[in-house]
Amino acid sequence: MYAMQYDVTLPADYDMDIIRTRVATRGHLLDDRAGLGLKAYAIRERGVDGSPVNQYAPFYLWQDPGRMSEFLVGGGGFQGIVDDFGRPVVRHWTGVGFHPGPAVADPPRAASRLLTTLAAGTDLASTDLTATDLATAVAHALDELSALAGTEGVHCAALAVDAHHWQLARFVLWHEDVPAAHEATERYRVLHLSTPEMADIPTGRHW
């Protein structure tokens, strides 16, 4: 599993109904995309849920890295974003865990993202028990993911690692609002969810 997200930051006075219309008319195009586990068409609106910006920030879980490559650089769909908004930076993470939640049968309307930097003590370049320390940190995050996935209202939850910046990313889709007490770096509204191969994403730790 590979996680991918790009943020298209828009002007402060941008009419976000333009994005809503875009998703309403085009969102279905990936509903049957081979190799795609899921795509959440997520947005942030300035002044809503603490967001300082307007953003279109879709999030993907890919089952097939070849299909991800095709989408990005092989004419498989990303050019539409480039044509309309310019070419954004695309972040990607290696998936390490996934769990469906109690609300997996219900359409998600919200999402949250938590980014956590792995401390220097878990740096593989350190000495002594570095590999064990890193494994312990990720194992703890996976335990937290499993527990969170059992929370009422959770559609699904994923954990992934950026081994360039040594950062963990936890993405959670929620049937309704993100709970006020939930720890999150960013909160989003979800306009549409495509799930062509979500049922094929392995549950639990991905090794």
Protein backbone atom coordinates (compact mmCIF):
# COMPACT_ATOMS: atom_id res chain seq x y z
CA MET A 1 0.00 0.00 0.00
CA TYR A 2 1.24 3.48 -0.89
CA ALA A 3 -0.26 6.70 0.47
CA MET A 4 -0.25 9.86 -1.63
CA GLN A 5 -1.53 13.41 -1.15
CA TYR A 6 -1.11 16.79 -2.76
CA ASP A 7 -2.29 20.15 -1.42
CA VAL A 8 -3.58 22.76 -3.86
CA THR A 9 -3.65 25.95 -1.81
CA LEU A 10 -6.12 28.48 -3.18
CA PRO A 11 -6.61 32.23 -2.66
CA ALA A 12 -8.28 33.35 0.56
CA ASP A 13 -11.32 34.62 -1.37
CA TYR A 14 -11.56 31.56 -3.64
CA ASP A 15 -15.09 30.23 -4.20
CA MET A 16 -14.86 26.67 -2.88
CA ASP A 17 -18.08 25.80 -4.67
CA ILE A 18 -15.89 25.58 -7.78
CA ILE A 19 -14.10 22.63 -6.16
CA ARG A 20 -17.40 21.11 -5.04
CA THR A 21 -18.68 21.28 -8.60
CA ARG A 22 -15.42 19.81 -9.90
CA VAL A 23 -15.72 16.82 -7.57
CA ALA A 24 -19.44 16.38 -8.23
CA THR A 25 -18.82 16.18 -11.98
CA ARG A 26 -15.47 14.33 -12.05
CA GLY A 27 -15.21 12.40 -8.81
CA HIS A 28 -16.83 9.29 -10.22
CA LEU A 29 -14.06 8.89 -12.82
CA LEU A 30 -11.86 7.00 -10.35
CA ASP A 31 -14.62 4.88 -8.86
CA ASP A 32 -13.37 1.89 -10.85
CA ARG A 33 -9.67 2.77 -11.29
CA ALA A 34 -7.56 -0.38 -11.27
CA GLY A 35 -4.84 -0.42 -8.63
CA LEU A 36 -6.46 2.29 -6.48
CA GLY A 37 -7.51 1.31 -2.99
CA LEU A 38 -9.28 4.57 -2.23
CA LYS A 39 -9.31 8.27 -2.99
CA ALA A 40 -10.82 10.77 -0.57
CA TYR A 41 -11.67 14.07 -2.27
CA ALA A 42 -10.79 16.28 0.68
CA ILE A 43 -10.91 20.05 1.13
CA ARG A 44 -10.04 22.58 3.80
CA GLU A 45 -11.86 25.91 3.98
CA ARG A 46 -10.44 29.05 5.51
CA GLY A 47 -12.03 29.66 8.90
CA VAL A 48 -13.61 26.18 9.10
CA ASP A 49 -12.29 23.60 11.59
CA GLY A 50 -9.37 25.87 12.35
CA SER A 51 -8.05 25.96 8.80
CA PRO A 52 -6.08 29.10 7.88
CA VAL A 53 -6.31 28.33 4.14
CA ASN A 54 -8.52 27.15 1.33
CA GLN A 55 -7.17 23.88 -0.05
CA TYR A 56 -8.08 21.04 -2.32
CA ALA A 57 -6.13 18.13 -0.80
CA PRO A 58 -7.15 14.69 -2.10
CA PHE A 59 -5.69 11.65 -0.38
CA TYR A 60 -5.02 8.27 -2.04
CA LEU A 61 -4.17 4.75 -0.95
CA TRP A 62 -2.74 2.83 -3.90
CA GLN A 63 -2.58 -0.94 -4.10
CA ASP A 64 -0.42 -0.98 -7.24
CA PRO A 65 2.59 1.40 -7.46
CA GLY A 66 2.63 1.00 -11.22
CA ARG A 67 -0.88 2.38 -11.44
CA MET A 68 0.15 5.25 -9.16
CA SER A 69 2.99 6.04 -11.55
CA GLU A 70 0.63 5.88 -14.50
CA PHE A 71 -1.72 8.31 -12.79
CA LEU A 72 1.04 10.79 -12.01
CA VAL A 73 3.27 10.74 -15.09
CA GLY A 74 1.75 8.32 -17.59
CA GLY A 75 -1.29 10.31 -18.67
CA GLY A 76 -3.54 8.57 -16.18
CA GLY A 77 -5.37 11.61 -14.83
CA PHE A 78 -3.05 13.92 -12.90
CA GLN A 79 -2.59 16.21 -15.90
CA GLY A 80 -6.07 17.58 -15.21
CA ILE A 81 -4.83 19.01 -11.91
CA VAL A 82 -1.70 20.40 -13.60
CA ASP A 83 -3.77 22.05 -16.35
CA ASP A 84 -6.14 23.74 -13.91
CA PHE A 85 -3.95 24.59 -10.93
CA GLY A 86 -0.31 24.09 -11.91
CA ARG A 87 1.84 21.19 -10.76
CA PRO A 88 1.70 20.75 -6.97
CA VAL A 89 4.21 18.89 -4.83
CA VAL A 90 2.97 15.32 -4.38
CA ARG A 91 3.81 13.73 -1.05
CA HIS A 92 3.92 9.96 -0.78
CA TRP A 93 4.43 7.52 2.05
CA THR A 94 4.97 3.77 2.35
CA GLY A 95 1.95 2.21 4.00
CA VAL A 96 2.56 0.33 7.23
CA GLY A 97 -0.97 -0.30 8.53
CA PHE A 98 -4.66 -0.10 7.68
CA HIS A 99 -7.92 -0.82 9.50
CA PRO A 100 -11.57 -0.45 8.49
CA GLY A 101 -13.70 1.05 11.24
CA PRO A 102 -17.23 0.56 12.59
CA ALA A 103 -18.60 3.08 10.04
CA VAL A 104 -16.89 1.55 7.00
CA ALA A 105 -20.26 0.95 5.32
CA ASP A 106 -21.21 4.64 5.66
CA PRO A 107 -19.92 7.43 3.40
CA PRO A 108 -17.26 9.52 5.16
CA ARG A 109 -17.86 13.26 5.38
CA ALA A 110 -14.69 14.26 7.23
CA ALA A 111 -11.03 13.32 7.52
CA SER A 112 -8.06 14.03 9.74
CA ARG A 113 -4.32 13.89 9.24
CA LEU A 114 -1.72 13.66 12.00
CA LEU A 115 1.96 14.07 11.11
CA THR A 116 4.52 12.90 13.67
CA THR A 117 8.27 13.24 13.32
CA LEU A 118 10.21 10.24 14.58
CA ALA A 119 12.59 11.44 17.29
CA ALA A 120 16.33 11.42 16.80
CA GLY A 121 16.57 8.40 19.11
CA THR A 122 14.77 6.37 16.45
CA ASP A 123 17.12 7.47 13.67
CA LEU A 124 18.65 4.49 11.89
CA ALA A 125 21.93 6.41 11.66
CA SER A 126 22.28 6.37 15.43
CA THR A 127 24.21 3.70 17.33
CA ASP A 128 23.23 0.95 19.74
CA LEU A 129 19.60 -0.18 19.58
CA THR A 130 18.50 2.15 16.81
CA ALA A 131 16.66 -0.44 14.70
CA THR A 132 14.84 -1.72 17.77
CA ASP A 133 13.99 1.84 18.83
CA LEU A 134 12.55 2.68 15.41
CA ALA A 135 10.59 -0.57 15.31
CA THR A 136 9.25 0.12 18.79
CA ALA A 137 8.10 3.62 17.85
CA VAL A 138 6.28 2.36 14.76
CA ALA A 139 4.80 -0.60 16.65
CA HIS A 140 3.40 1.85 19.23
CA ALA A 141 1.87 3.95 16.43
CA LEU A 142 0.34 0.82 14.90
CA ASP A 143 -1.18 -0.11 18.27
CA GLU A 144 -2.67 3.37 18.50
CA LEU A 145 -4.01 3.04 14.95
CA SER A 146 -5.72 -0.26 15.78
CA ALA A 147 -7.32 1.19 18.91
CA LEU A 148 -8.45 4.34 17.09
CA ALA A 149 -9.97 2.30 14.26
CA GLY A 150 -12.43 0.83 16.73
CA THR A 151 -13.82 4.26 17.61
CA GLU A 152 -17.45 4.92 16.78
CA GLY A 153 -17.75 6.93 13.58
CA VAL A 154 -14.44 5.85 12.06
CA HIS A 155 -14.75 4.75 8.44
CA CYS A 156 -11.11 3.62 8.12
CA ALA A 157 -7.64 4.53 9.34
CA ALA A 158 -4.20 4.24 7.74
CA LEU A 159 -0.64 4.73 8.92
CA ALA A 160 2.29 5.39 6.57
CA VAL A 161 5.94 6.42 6.85
CA ASP A 162 8.01 8.97 4.95
CA ALA A 163 11.52 7.52 5.19
CA HIS A 164 13.05 10.65 3.63
CA HIS A 165 12.00 12.96 6.45
CA TRP A 166 11.39 10.15 9.00
CA GLN A 167 7.82 11.14 9.60
CA LEU A 168 4.69 9.12 10.29
CA ALA A 169 1.37 10.13 8.74
CA ARG A 170 -1.94 8.91 10.17
CA PHE A 171 -5.01 9.42 8.00
CA VAL A 172 -8.50 8.77 9.34
CA LEU A 173 -11.82 9.01 7.51
CA TRP A 174 -14.88 9.78 9.64
CA HIS A 175 -18.56 9.25 8.88
CA GLU A 176 -19.49 12.61 10.40
CA ASP A 177 -17.31 15.32 11.98
CA VAL A 178 -13.84 14.74 13.35
CA PRO A 179 -14.34 14.61 17.14
CA ALA A 180 -13.23 17.81 18.86
CA ALA A 181 -10.92 15.89 21.20
CA HIS A 182 -9.24 13.93 18.39
CA GLU A 183 -5.55 14.69 17.88
CA ALA A 184 -5.02 15.93 14.34
CA THR A 185 -2.72 18.29 12.49
CA GLU A 186 -5.32 19.02 9.80
CA ARG A 187 -9.06 18.48 9.54
CA TYR A 188 -10.85 18.12 6.21
CA ARG A 189 -14.30 17.77 4.69
CA VAL A 190 -14.68 14.84 2.29
CA LEU A 191 -16.75 15.56 -0.82
CA HIS A 192 -16.57 12.09 -2.38
CA LEU A 193 -14.87 8.74 -1.79
CA SER A 194 -13.77 6.38 -4.56
CA THR A 195 -13.08 2.84 -3.30
CA PRO A 196 -12.36 0.61 -6.32
CA GLU A 197 -10.02 -1.79 -4.46
CA MET A 198 -10.40 -0.79 -0.83
CA ALA A 199 -11.61 -4.29 0.06
CA ASP A 200 -8.23 -5.63 -1.10
CA ILE A 201 -6.15 -3.46 1.25
CA PRO A 202 -4.73 -5.82 3.90
CA THR A 203 -5.99 -5.20 7.41
CA GLY A 204 -3.46 -4.63 10.18
CA ARG A 205 0.31 -4.30 9.93
CA HIS A 206 1.66 -4.51 6.39
CA TRP A 207 4.54 -6.94 6.90
